Amino acid sequence: MGDVAFTPEEVEDGKTLAAIGYLWLLFFIPLVVKPRNRFCRAHGKQAMVLFIAGALISTFSCFISPLFGGGLLGLLIFVVQIVALVKTLQGEFWKIPGVWDLASRINL
């Protein structure tokens, strides 16, 4: 999934579901409802990576600095999710640095 060019039909058909995927645990919605839509699948996989990163940060923040680990990193992930959600509703695909590298390796 290195190619991130989508047809206008894929974008229009999938942007609402793809955006829903950035809302916490709902990353699976675009992956399950529209598995053949590459726009939904790409966003769903990025949302899954963000969700897992957020869960790991929340779980292990007591081992890092509670302020830095849980607070600032959690806030950063939240902001990234909001930006990604807005861009998705606008029909854009944002390769989130680091996140896309991991998400593109997921074979779904």
N, C-alpha and C. Protein backbone atom coordinates (compact mmCIF):
# COMPACT_ATOMS: atom_id res chain seq x y z
N MET A 1 0.83 -1.19 0.00
CA MET A 1 0.00 0.00 0.00
C MET A 1 0.87 1.25 0.00
N GLY A 2 1.99 1.19 -0.68
CA GLY A 2 2.86 2.34 -0.78
C GLY A 2 2.24 3.46 -1.58
N ASP A 3 1.40 3.10 -2.57
CA ASP A 3 0.74 4.08 -3.41
C ASP A 3 -0.46 4.62 -2.63
N VAL A 4 -0.53 5.93 -2.49
CA VAL A 4 -1.64 6.52 -1.74
C VAL A 4 -2.49 7.42 -2.62
N ALA A 5 -2.59 7.08 -3.90
CA ALA A 5 -3.47 7.80 -4.80
C ALA A 5 -4.83 7.10 -4.81
N PHE A 6 -5.86 7.87 -4.61
CA PHE A 6 -7.20 7.32 -4.52
C PHE A 6 -8.07 7.92 -5.61
N THR A 7 -9.03 7.15 -6.08
CA THR A 7 -9.96 7.70 -7.06
C THR A 7 -10.93 8.65 -6.35
N PRO A 8 -11.46 9.61 -7.08
CA PRO A 8 -12.44 10.52 -6.46
C PRO A 8 -13.65 9.76 -5.91
N GLU A 9 -14.02 8.65 -6.56
CA GLU A 9 -15.14 7.86 -6.09
C GLU A 9 -14.84 7.21 -4.74
N GLU A 10 -13.60 6.68 -4.59
CA GLU A 10 -13.21 6.08 -3.31
C GLU A 10 -13.26 7.11 -2.19
N VAL A 11 -12.76 8.30 -2.48
CA VAL A 11 -12.73 9.36 -1.47
C VAL A 11 -14.14 9.75 -1.07
N GLU A 12 -14.99 10.05 -2.06
CA GLU A 12 -16.36 10.47 -1.75
C GLU A 12 -17.14 9.37 -1.03
N ASP A 13 -16.96 8.15 -1.47
CA ASP A 13 -17.69 7.03 -0.89
C ASP A 13 -17.22 6.69 0.52
N GLY A 14 -15.95 7.01 0.83
CA GLY A 14 -15.41 6.55 2.10
C GLY A 14 -15.01 7.59 3.11
N LYS A 15 -15.08 8.87 2.76
CA LYS A 15 -14.49 9.86 3.67
C LYS A 15 -15.20 9.97 5.03
N THR A 16 -16.50 9.81 5.06
CA THR A 16 -17.20 9.90 6.36
C THR A 16 -16.83 8.72 7.26
N LEU A 17 -16.87 7.52 6.70
CA LEU A 17 -16.49 6.34 7.49
C LEU A 17 -15.01 6.40 7.89
N ALA A 18 -14.17 6.86 6.97
CA ALA A 18 -12.75 6.96 7.28
C ALA A 18 -12.51 7.93 8.43
N ALA A 19 -13.24 9.03 8.44
CA ALA A 19 -13.10 10.01 9.51
C ALA A 19 -13.56 9.45 10.85
N ILE A 20 -14.63 8.67 10.85
CA ILE A 20 -15.12 8.05 12.08
C ILE A 20 -14.04 7.18 12.71
N GLY A 21 -13.20 6.58 11.87
CA GLY A 21 -12.13 5.72 12.37
C GLY A 21 -11.15 6.41 13.30
N TYR A 22 -11.04 7.73 13.20
CA TYR A 22 -10.11 8.45 14.07
C TYR A 22 -10.70 8.75 15.45
N LEU A 23 -11.93 8.31 15.68
CA LEU A 23 -12.56 8.52 16.99
C LEU A 23 -12.30 7.31 17.88
N TRP A 24 -11.22 7.35 18.59
CA TRP A 24 -10.80 6.38 19.60
C TRP A 24 -10.88 4.95 19.11
N LEU A 25 -11.72 4.13 19.69
CA LEU A 25 -11.77 2.70 19.38
C LEU A 25 -12.50 2.39 18.07
N LEU A 26 -13.03 3.37 17.42
CA LEU A 26 -13.83 3.14 16.21
C LEU A 26 -12.97 2.96 14.95
N PHE A 27 -11.66 2.77 15.11
CA PHE A 27 -10.78 2.58 13.96
C PHE A 27 -11.21 1.39 13.10
N PHE A 28 -11.88 0.42 13.70
CA PHE A 28 -12.26 -0.78 12.96
C PHE A 28 -13.44 -0.54 12.01
N ILE A 29 -14.22 0.51 12.23
CA ILE A 29 -15.41 0.77 11.42
C ILE A 29 -15.08 0.85 9.92
N PRO A 30 -14.14 1.73 9.49
CA PRO A 30 -13.86 1.77 8.05
C PRO A 30 -13.25 0.48 7.53
N LEU A 31 -12.54 -0.24 8.37
CA LEU A 31 -11.91 -1.49 7.95
C LEU A 31 -12.93 -2.60 7.74
N VAL A 32 -14.00 -2.59 8.53
CA VAL A 32 -15.01 -3.64 8.45
C VAL A 32 -16.13 -3.29 7.47
N VAL A 33 -16.57 -2.04 7.49
CA VAL A 33 -17.72 -1.65 6.68
C VAL A 33 -17.35 -1.51 5.20
N LYS A 34 -16.17 -0.96 4.91
CA LYS A 34 -15.75 -0.77 3.51
C LYS A 34 -14.33 -1.31 3.32
N PRO A 35 -14.14 -2.62 3.43
CA PRO A 35 -12.79 -3.18 3.35
C PRO A 35 -12.15 -3.05 1.97
N ARG A 36 -12.94 -2.88 0.94
CA ARG A 36 -12.37 -2.77 -0.42
C ARG A 36 -12.09 -1.34 -0.83
N ASN A 37 -12.54 -0.38 -0.02
CA ASN A 37 -12.28 1.02 -0.31
C ASN A 37 -10.88 1.36 0.21
N ARG A 38 -9.95 1.63 -0.68
CA ARG A 38 -8.55 1.87 -0.28
C ARG A 38 -8.41 3.12 0.59
N PHE A 39 -9.24 4.13 0.37
CA PHE A 39 -9.22 5.34 1.19
C PHE A 39 -9.59 5.00 2.63
N CYS A 40 -10.67 4.24 2.80
CA CYS A 40 -11.09 3.81 4.14
C CYS A 40 -10.03 2.94 4.79
N ARG A 41 -9.50 2.02 4.03
CA ARG A 41 -8.51 1.09 4.58
C ARG A 41 -7.25 1.82 5.04
N ALA A 42 -6.77 2.76 4.25
CA ALA A 42 -5.56 3.50 4.62
C ALA A 42 -5.79 4.31 5.89
N HIS A 43 -6.92 5.00 5.96
CA HIS A 43 -7.23 5.78 7.16
C HIS A 43 -7.49 4.88 8.36
N GLY A 44 -8.19 3.78 8.14
CA GLY A 44 -8.46 2.85 9.24
C GLY A 44 -7.18 2.29 9.84
N LYS A 45 -6.22 1.97 8.99
CA LYS A 45 -4.95 1.43 9.50
C LYS A 45 -4.16 2.50 10.25
N GLN A 46 -4.17 3.73 9.74
CA GLN A 46 -3.49 4.81 10.49
C GLN A 46 -4.17 5.04 11.83
N ALA A 47 -5.50 5.04 11.83
CA ALA A 47 -6.26 5.24 13.08
C ALA A 47 -5.97 4.12 14.07
N MET A 48 -5.81 2.89 13.57
CA MET A 48 -5.49 1.77 14.44
C MET A 48 -4.12 1.97 15.10
N VAL A 49 -3.14 2.40 14.32
CA VAL A 49 -1.80 2.64 14.88
C VAL A 49 -1.87 3.74 15.93
N LEU A 50 -2.61 4.81 15.67
CA LEU A 50 -2.76 5.88 16.66
C LEU A 50 -3.45 5.39 17.92
N PHE A 51 -4.48 4.57 17.75
CA PHE A 51 -5.18 4.02 18.92
C PHE A 51 -4.24 3.17 19.77
N ILE A 52 -3.49 2.28 19.12
CA ILE A 52 -2.56 1.42 19.86
C ILE A 52 -1.49 2.25 20.55
N ALA A 53 -0.97 3.25 19.86
CA ALA A 53 0.04 4.13 20.48
C ALA A 53 -0.54 4.83 21.70
N GLY A 54 -1.76 5.34 21.58
CA GLY A 54 -2.40 6.00 22.71
C GLY A 54 -2.64 5.06 23.87
N ALA A 55 -3.05 3.84 23.57
CA ALA A 55 -3.28 2.84 24.63
C ALA A 55 -1.98 2.49 25.33
N LEU A 56 -0.91 2.32 24.57
CA LEU A 56 0.39 2.01 25.17
C LEU A 56 0.90 3.16 26.02
N ILE A 57 0.73 4.38 25.53
CA ILE A 57 1.17 5.54 26.31
C ILE A 57 0.39 5.64 27.60
N SER A 58 -0.92 5.43 27.52
CA SER A 58 -1.75 5.48 28.73
C SER A 58 -1.35 4.40 29.72
N THR A 59 -1.09 3.21 29.21
CA THR A 59 -0.75 2.08 30.07
C THR A 59 0.60 2.26 30.74
N PHE A 60 1.57 2.74 29.99
CA PHE A 60 2.94 2.81 30.51
C PHE A 60 3.37 4.20 30.95
N SER A 61 2.44 5.14 31.03
CA SER A 61 2.82 6.50 31.41
C SER A 61 3.34 6.57 32.85
N CYS A 62 2.95 5.65 33.69
CA CYS A 62 3.44 5.67 35.06
C CYS A 62 4.92 5.30 35.12
N PHE A 63 5.42 4.60 34.09
CA PHE A 63 6.84 4.24 34.06
C PHE A 63 7.69 5.33 33.45
N ILE A 64 7.07 6.15 32.62
CA ILE A 64 7.75 7.30 32.06
C ILE A 64 7.43 8.43 33.05
N SER A 65 7.68 9.62 32.70
CA SER A 65 7.24 10.73 33.53
C SER A 65 5.74 10.86 33.34
N PRO A 66 4.93 10.86 34.39
CA PRO A 66 3.48 10.97 34.22
C PRO A 66 3.07 12.21 33.42
N LEU A 67 3.74 13.33 33.61
CA LEU A 67 3.38 14.53 32.86
C LEU A 67 3.76 14.37 31.40
N PHE A 68 5.00 13.96 31.14
CA PHE A 68 5.46 13.84 29.75
C PHE A 68 4.79 12.67 29.06
N GLY A 69 4.81 11.51 29.71
CA GLY A 69 4.28 10.30 29.08
C GLY A 69 2.79 10.36 28.86
N GLY A 70 2.04 10.51 29.91
CA GLY A 70 0.60 10.47 29.79
C GLY A 70 0.01 11.77 29.29
N GLY A 71 0.55 12.88 29.77
CA GLY A 71 -0.03 14.18 29.43
C GLY A 71 0.31 14.69 28.05
N LEU A 72 1.56 14.99 27.83
CA LEU A 72 1.94 15.62 26.57
C LEU A 72 1.84 14.69 25.37
N LEU A 73 2.27 13.44 25.52
CA LEU A 73 2.17 12.51 24.40
C LEU A 73 0.72 12.17 24.10
N GLY A 74 -0.08 12.02 25.13
CA GLY A 74 -1.51 11.77 24.93
C GLY A 74 -2.19 12.95 24.23
N LEU A 75 -1.82 14.16 24.63
CA LEU A 75 -2.37 15.35 23.99
C LEU A 75 -1.92 15.44 22.53
N LEU A 76 -0.68 15.09 22.26
CA LEU A 76 -0.17 15.09 20.90
C LEU A 76 -0.95 14.12 20.02
N ILE A 77 -1.19 12.92 20.51
CA ILE A 77 -1.97 11.94 19.74
C ILE A 77 -3.39 12.45 19.51
N PHE A 78 -3.99 13.06 20.51
CA PHE A 78 -5.33 13.61 20.37
C PHE A 78 -5.37 14.68 19.28
N VAL A 79 -4.42 15.58 19.28
CA VAL A 79 -4.35 16.64 18.27
C VAL A 79 -4.16 16.04 16.88
N VAL A 80 -3.27 15.06 16.77
CA VAL A 80 -3.04 14.40 15.48
C VAL A 80 -4.33 13.74 14.99
N GLN A 81 -5.07 13.11 15.89
CA GLN A 81 -6.34 12.48 15.50
C GLN A 81 -7.34 13.51 14.99
N ILE A 82 -7.42 14.65 15.64
CA ILE A 82 -8.36 15.69 15.22
C ILE A 82 -7.97 16.24 13.85
N VAL A 83 -6.68 16.52 13.66
CA VAL A 83 -6.22 17.02 12.36
C VAL A 83 -6.50 15.99 11.27
N ALA A 84 -6.21 14.73 11.55
CA ALA A 84 -6.45 13.66 10.57
C ALA A 84 -7.93 13.54 10.25
N LEU A 85 -8.78 13.65 11.26
CA LEU A 85 -10.22 13.57 11.06
C LEU A 85 -10.70 14.69 10.15
N VAL A 86 -10.25 15.92 10.41
CA VAL A 86 -10.66 17.07 9.59
C VAL A 86 -10.17 16.91 8.16
N LYS A 87 -8.91 16.53 7.99
CA LYS A 87 -8.36 16.34 6.64
C LYS A 87 -9.13 15.24 5.89
N THR A 88 -9.50 14.20 6.60
CA THR A 88 -10.24 13.11 5.98
C THR A 88 -11.61 13.57 5.50
N LEU A 89 -12.30 14.35 6.32
CA LEU A 89 -13.61 14.88 5.91
C LEU A 89 -13.49 15.81 4.71
N GLN A 90 -12.32 16.42 4.55
CA GLN A 90 -12.07 17.28 3.39
C GLN A 90 -11.63 16.47 2.17
N GLY A 91 -11.54 15.15 2.33
CA GLY A 91 -11.17 14.28 1.22
C GLY A 91 -9.68 14.15 1.00
N GLU A 92 -8.88 14.51 1.99
CA GLU A 92 -7.43 14.44 1.88
C GLU A 92 -6.90 13.19 2.59
N PHE A 93 -5.72 12.78 2.15
CA PHE A 93 -5.02 11.72 2.87
C PHE A 93 -3.71 12.29 3.37
N TRP A 94 -3.56 12.31 4.69
CA TRP A 94 -2.35 12.82 5.32
C TRP A 94 -1.53 11.64 5.79
N LYS A 95 -0.36 11.50 5.21
CA LYS A 95 0.55 10.46 5.69
C LYS A 95 1.14 10.97 7.00
N ILE A 96 0.61 10.52 8.09
CA ILE A 96 1.08 10.98 9.40
C ILE A 96 2.49 10.44 9.59
N PRO A 97 3.46 11.34 9.81
CA PRO A 97 4.86 10.90 9.94
C PRO A 97 5.02 9.83 11.02
N GLY A 98 5.70 8.76 10.67
CA GLY A 98 5.92 7.66 11.60
C GLY A 98 4.74 6.70 11.65
N VAL A 99 3.55 7.24 11.74
CA VAL A 99 2.34 6.43 11.83
C VAL A 99 2.10 5.73 10.49
N TRP A 100 2.21 6.47 9.38
CA TRP A 100 1.99 5.87 8.07
C TRP A 100 3.02 4.79 7.79
N ASP A 101 4.25 5.00 8.24
CA ASP A 101 5.29 3.98 8.04
C ASP A 101 4.87 2.64 8.64
N LEU A 102 4.29 2.69 9.82
CA LEU A 102 3.81 1.45 10.47
C LEU A 102 2.51 0.96 9.83
N ALA A 103 1.60 1.86 9.59
CA ALA A 103 0.28 1.48 9.08
C ALA A 103 0.39 0.85 7.69
N SER A 104 1.31 1.35 6.87
CA SER A 104 1.42 0.82 5.51
C SER A 104 1.94 -0.62 5.49
N ARG A 105 2.52 -1.06 6.59
CA ARG A 105 3.03 -2.44 6.69
C ARG A 105 1.96 -3.43 7.15
N ILE A 106 0.85 -2.93 7.63
CA ILE A 106 -0.23 -3.79 8.09
C ILE A 106 -0.95 -4.35 6.88
N ASN A 107 -1.05 -5.65 6.83
CA ASN A 107 -1.67 -6.31 5.69
C ASN A 107 -3.09 -6.72 6.03
N LEU A 108 -4.04 -5.89 5.64
CA LEU A 108 -5.47 -6.18 5.88
C LEU A 108 -6.20 -6.23 4.55
